[in-house]
Amino acid sequence: MPATVGGKALIDLRNISKHYGEGQTRVDALADVTASIYPGEVVGLLGPSGSGKTTLLNVIGCVIEPSGGWMMLDGEIVYDARWLRADLRRLRLEKIGCFRRPISSPSSTARRTSRR
């Protein structure tokens, strides 16, 4: 654990999983992800396309529901095999802030993207 004031994780994930589909068509996008991120840390997510980077960010941002696990944001347990808050919009407002999609798309060119 890094030397931080108070030593409390800002984001704490335990055994987070996310799957889509069932049976032979089931895809495990996240499998037992455990991580702690402390205030002041800079974290990068690296991996090939389809490895779960965006899925993990969407779970942390409370945009999609995990299939299982436990998650704490800023000292509040927000997920324990189910969302523990009924109003996820309020949760995102209080704990996450602005969460935007990338500005590029498959039809964007580098020139159009750089003008934004």
C-alpha atoms as a PDB file:
ATOM      1  CA  MET A   1       0.000   0.000   0.000  1.00  0.00           C
ATOM      2  CA  PRO A   2       1.391   3.420  -0.914  1.00  0.00           C
ATOM      3  CA  ALA A   3       2.033   5.985   1.782  1.00  0.00           C
ATOM      4  CA  THR A   4      -1.162   8.045   1.667  1.00  0.00           C
ATOM      5  CA  VAL A   5      -2.946  10.247   4.134  1.00  0.00           C
ATOM      6  CA  GLY A   6      -5.279   7.980   6.081  1.00  0.00           C
ATOM      7  CA  GLY A   7      -4.309   4.946   4.001  1.00  0.00           C
ATOM      8  CA  LYS A   8      -7.899   4.367   2.753  1.00  0.00           C
ATOM      9  CA  ALA A   9      -8.418   3.115  -0.769  1.00  0.00           C
ATOM     10  CA  LEU A  10     -10.460   5.404  -2.979  1.00  0.00           C
ATOM     11  CA  ILE A  11     -11.510   2.416  -5.106  1.00  0.00           C
ATOM     12  CA  ASP A  12     -11.496  -1.082  -3.648  1.00  0.00           C
ATOM     13  CA  LEU A  13     -12.529  -4.078  -5.759  1.00  0.00           C
ATOM     14  CA  ARG A  14     -12.753  -7.670  -4.543  1.00  0.00           C
ATOM     15  CA  ASN A  15     -13.426 -10.581  -6.892  1.00  0.00           C
ATOM     16  CA  ILE A  16     -15.360  -8.459  -9.388  1.00  0.00           C
ATOM     17  CA  SER A  17     -16.645 -10.476 -12.317  1.00  0.00           C
ATOM     18  CA  LYS A  18     -18.799  -9.662 -15.311  1.00  0.00           C
ATOM     19  CA  HIS A  19     -20.129 -12.086 -17.849  1.00  0.00           C
ATOM     20  CA  TYR A  20     -22.460 -11.809 -20.781  1.00  0.00           C
ATOM     21  CA  GLY A  21     -24.729 -14.615 -21.927  1.00  0.00           C
ATOM     22  CA  GLU A  22     -25.084 -18.114 -20.540  1.00  0.00           C
ATOM     23  CA  GLY A  23     -24.027 -21.638 -21.415  1.00  0.00           C
ATOM     24  CA  GLN A  24     -21.906 -22.106 -24.520  1.00  0.00           C
ATOM     25  CA  THR A  25     -22.333 -18.460 -25.524  1.00  0.00           C
ATOM     26  CA  ARG A  26     -21.183 -17.096 -22.148  1.00  0.00           C
ATOM     27  CA  VAL A  27     -18.323 -14.598 -22.333  1.00  0.00           C
ATOM     28  CA  ASP A  28     -16.375 -13.713 -19.188  1.00  0.00           C
ATOM     29  CA  ALA A  29     -15.417 -10.068 -19.636  1.00  0.00           C
ATOM     30  CA  LEU A  30     -13.999  -9.810 -16.078  1.00  0.00           C
ATOM     31  CA  ALA A  31     -12.950 -12.717 -13.884  1.00  0.00           C
ATOM     32  CA  ASP A  32     -12.241 -12.170 -10.161  1.00  0.00           C
ATOM     33  CA  VAL A  33     -10.665  -8.717 -10.471  1.00  0.00           C
ATOM     34  CA  THR A  34      -9.206  -7.527  -7.169  1.00  0.00           C
ATOM     35  CA  ALA A  35      -7.558  -4.117  -6.916  1.00  0.00           C
ATOM     36  CA  SER A  36      -7.141  -1.175  -4.574  1.00  0.00           C
ATOM     37  CA  ILE A  37      -6.477   2.339  -5.838  1.00  0.00           C
ATOM     38  CA  TYR A  38      -5.398   5.016  -3.390  1.00  0.00           C
ATOM     39  CA  PRO A  39      -5.700   8.805  -3.597  1.00  0.00           C
ATOM     40  CA  GLY A  40      -2.837  10.277  -5.612  1.00  0.00           C
ATOM     41  CA  GLU A  41      -2.100   7.066  -7.512  1.00  0.00           C
ATOM     42  CA  VAL A  42      -2.005   7.070 -11.288  1.00  0.00           C
ATOM     43  CA  VAL A  43      -3.252   3.828 -12.796  1.00  0.00           C
ATOM     44  CA  GLY A  44      -3.130   2.652 -16.388  1.00  0.00           C
ATOM     45  CA  LEU A  45      -5.120  -0.220 -17.867  1.00  0.00           C
ATOM     46  CA  LEU A  46      -3.267  -2.102 -20.571  1.00  0.00           C
ATOM     47  CA  GLY A  47      -4.427  -5.022 -22.627  1.00  0.00           C
ATOM     48  CA  PRO A  48      -5.526  -6.096 -26.071  1.00  0.00           C
ATOM     49  CA  SER A  49      -8.898  -5.263 -27.542  1.00  0.00           C
ATOM     50  CA  GLY A  50     -11.603  -7.268 -25.794  1.00  0.00           C
ATOM     51  CA  SER A  51      -9.628  -7.854 -22.601  1.00  0.00           C
ATOM     52  CA  GLY A  52     -12.117  -6.028 -20.340  1.00  0.00           C
ATOM     53  CA  LYS A  53     -10.571  -2.574 -19.869  1.00  0.00           C
ATOM     54  CA  THR A  54     -13.722  -0.645 -20.768  1.00  0.00           C
ATOM     55  CA  THR A  55     -15.918  -3.118 -18.915  1.00  0.00           C
ATOM     56  CA  LEU A  56     -13.852  -2.581 -15.766  1.00  0.00           C
ATOM     57  CA  LEU A  57     -14.108   1.215 -16.090  1.00  0.00           C
ATOM     58  CA  ASN A  58     -17.864   0.957 -16.628  1.00  0.00           C
ATOM     59  CA  VAL A  59     -18.208  -1.216 -13.515  1.00  0.00           C
ATOM     60  CA  ILE A  60     -16.124   1.205 -11.420  1.00  0.00           C
ATOM     61  CA  GLY A  61     -18.204   4.076 -12.816  1.00  0.00           C
ATOM     62  CA  CYS A  62     -21.409   2.260 -11.803  1.00  0.00           C
ATOM     63  CA  VAL A  63     -22.575   2.279 -15.417  1.00  0.00           C
ATOM     64  CA  ILE A  64     -22.950  -1.511 -15.705  1.00  0.00           C
ATOM     65  CA  GLU A  65     -23.642  -4.019 -12.947  1.00  0.00           C
ATOM     66  CA  PRO A  66     -21.021  -6.661 -12.205  1.00  0.00           C
ATOM     67  CA  SER A  67     -22.081 -10.304 -12.164  1.00  0.00           C
ATOM     68  CA  GLY A  68     -20.476 -10.761  -8.762  1.00  0.00           C
ATOM     69  CA  GLY A  69     -17.982  -9.467  -6.248  1.00  0.00           C
ATOM     70  CA  TRP A  70     -17.641  -6.509  -3.896  1.00  0.00           C
ATOM     71  CA  MET A  71     -16.826  -2.848  -4.535  1.00  0.00           C
ATOM     72  CA  MET A  72     -16.177   0.141  -2.292  1.00  0.00           C
ATOM     73  CA  LEU A  73     -15.914   3.724  -3.549  1.00  0.00           C
ATOM     74  CA  ASP A  74     -14.542   6.454  -1.318  1.00  0.00           C
ATOM     75  CA  GLY A  75     -15.188   4.472   1.869  1.00  0.00           C
ATOM     76  CA  GLU A  76     -18.734   3.372   0.966  1.00  0.00           C
ATOM     77  CA  ILE A  77     -19.539  -0.212   0.032  1.00  0.00           C
ATOM     78  CA  VAL A  78     -21.644   0.244  -3.091  1.00  0.00           C
ATOM     79  CA  TYR A  79     -21.791  -3.318  -4.449  1.00  0.00           C
ATOM     80  CA  ASP A  80     -21.908  -6.642  -2.623  1.00  0.00           C
ATOM     81  CA  ALA A  81     -23.372  -9.177  -5.065  1.00  0.00           C
ATOM     82  CA  ARG A  82     -25.972  -6.443  -5.771  1.00  0.00           C
ATOM     83  CA  TRP A  83     -26.114  -2.646  -5.848  1.00  0.00           C
ATOM     84  CA  LEU A  84     -26.535  -1.340  -2.305  1.00  0.00           C
ATOM     85  CA  ARG A  85     -27.950   1.997  -3.467  1.00  0.00           C
ATOM     86  CA  ALA A  86     -31.234   2.389  -5.298  1.00  0.00           C
ATOM     87  CA  ASP A  87     -30.271   5.671  -6.999  1.00  0.00           C
ATOM     88  CA  LEU A  88     -27.152   5.002  -9.077  1.00  0.00           C
ATOM     89  CA  ARG A  89     -27.396   8.420 -10.735  1.00  0.00           C
ATOM     90  CA  ARG A  90     -26.951  10.060  -7.323  1.00  0.00           C
ATOM     91  CA  LEU A  91     -24.091   7.662  -6.538  1.00  0.00           C
ATOM     92  CA  ARG A  92     -22.296   8.623  -9.767  1.00  0.00           C
ATOM     93  CA  LEU A  93     -22.864  12.310  -9.039  1.00  0.00           C
ATOM     94  CA  GLU A  94     -21.489  12.027  -5.480  1.00  0.00           C
ATOM     95  CA  LYS A  95     -18.629   9.557  -5.994  1.00  0.00           C
ATOM     96  CA  ILE A  96     -17.638   9.605  -9.674  1.00  0.00           C
ATOM     97  CA  GLY A  97     -18.363  12.976 -11.293  1.00  0.00           C
ATOM     98  CA  CYS A  98     -18.252  13.394 -15.067  1.00  0.00           C
ATOM     99  CA  PHE A  99     -17.782  10.128 -16.941  1.00  0.00           C
ATOM    100  CA  ARG A 100     -17.555  10.711 -20.701  1.00  0.00           C
ATOM    101  CA  ARG A 101     -17.291   8.443 -23.691  1.00  0.00           C
ATOM    102  CA  PRO A 102     -14.278   8.815 -26.015  1.00  0.00           C
ATOM    103  CA  ILE A 103     -14.747  11.375 -28.767  1.00  0.00           C
ATOM    104  CA  SER A 104     -13.450   9.174 -31.553  1.00  0.00           C
ATOM    105  CA  SER A 105     -15.495   6.593 -33.392  1.00  0.00           C
ATOM    106  CA  PRO A 106     -14.770   4.194 -36.231  1.00  0.00           C
ATOM    107  CA  SER A 107     -15.984   6.816 -38.727  1.00  0.00           C
ATOM    108  CA  SER A 108     -13.875   9.632 -37.233  1.00  0.00           C
ATOM    109  CA  THR A 109     -10.641  10.606 -38.827  1.00  0.00           C
ATOM    110  CA  ALA A 110      -7.614  11.815 -36.915  1.00  0.00           C
ATOM    111  CA  ARG A 111      -8.054  15.259 -38.430  1.00  0.00           C
ATOM    112  CA  ARG A 112     -11.707  15.581 -37.293  1.00  0.00           C
ATOM    113  CA  THR A 113     -10.849  14.251 -33.844  1.00  0.00           C
ATOM    114  CA  SER A 114      -7.920  16.656 -33.402  1.00  0.00           C
ATOM    115  CA  ARG A 115     -10.156  19.646 -34.226  1.00  0.00           C
ATOM    116  CA  ARG A 116     -12.420  18.963 -31.251  1.00  0.00           C
END
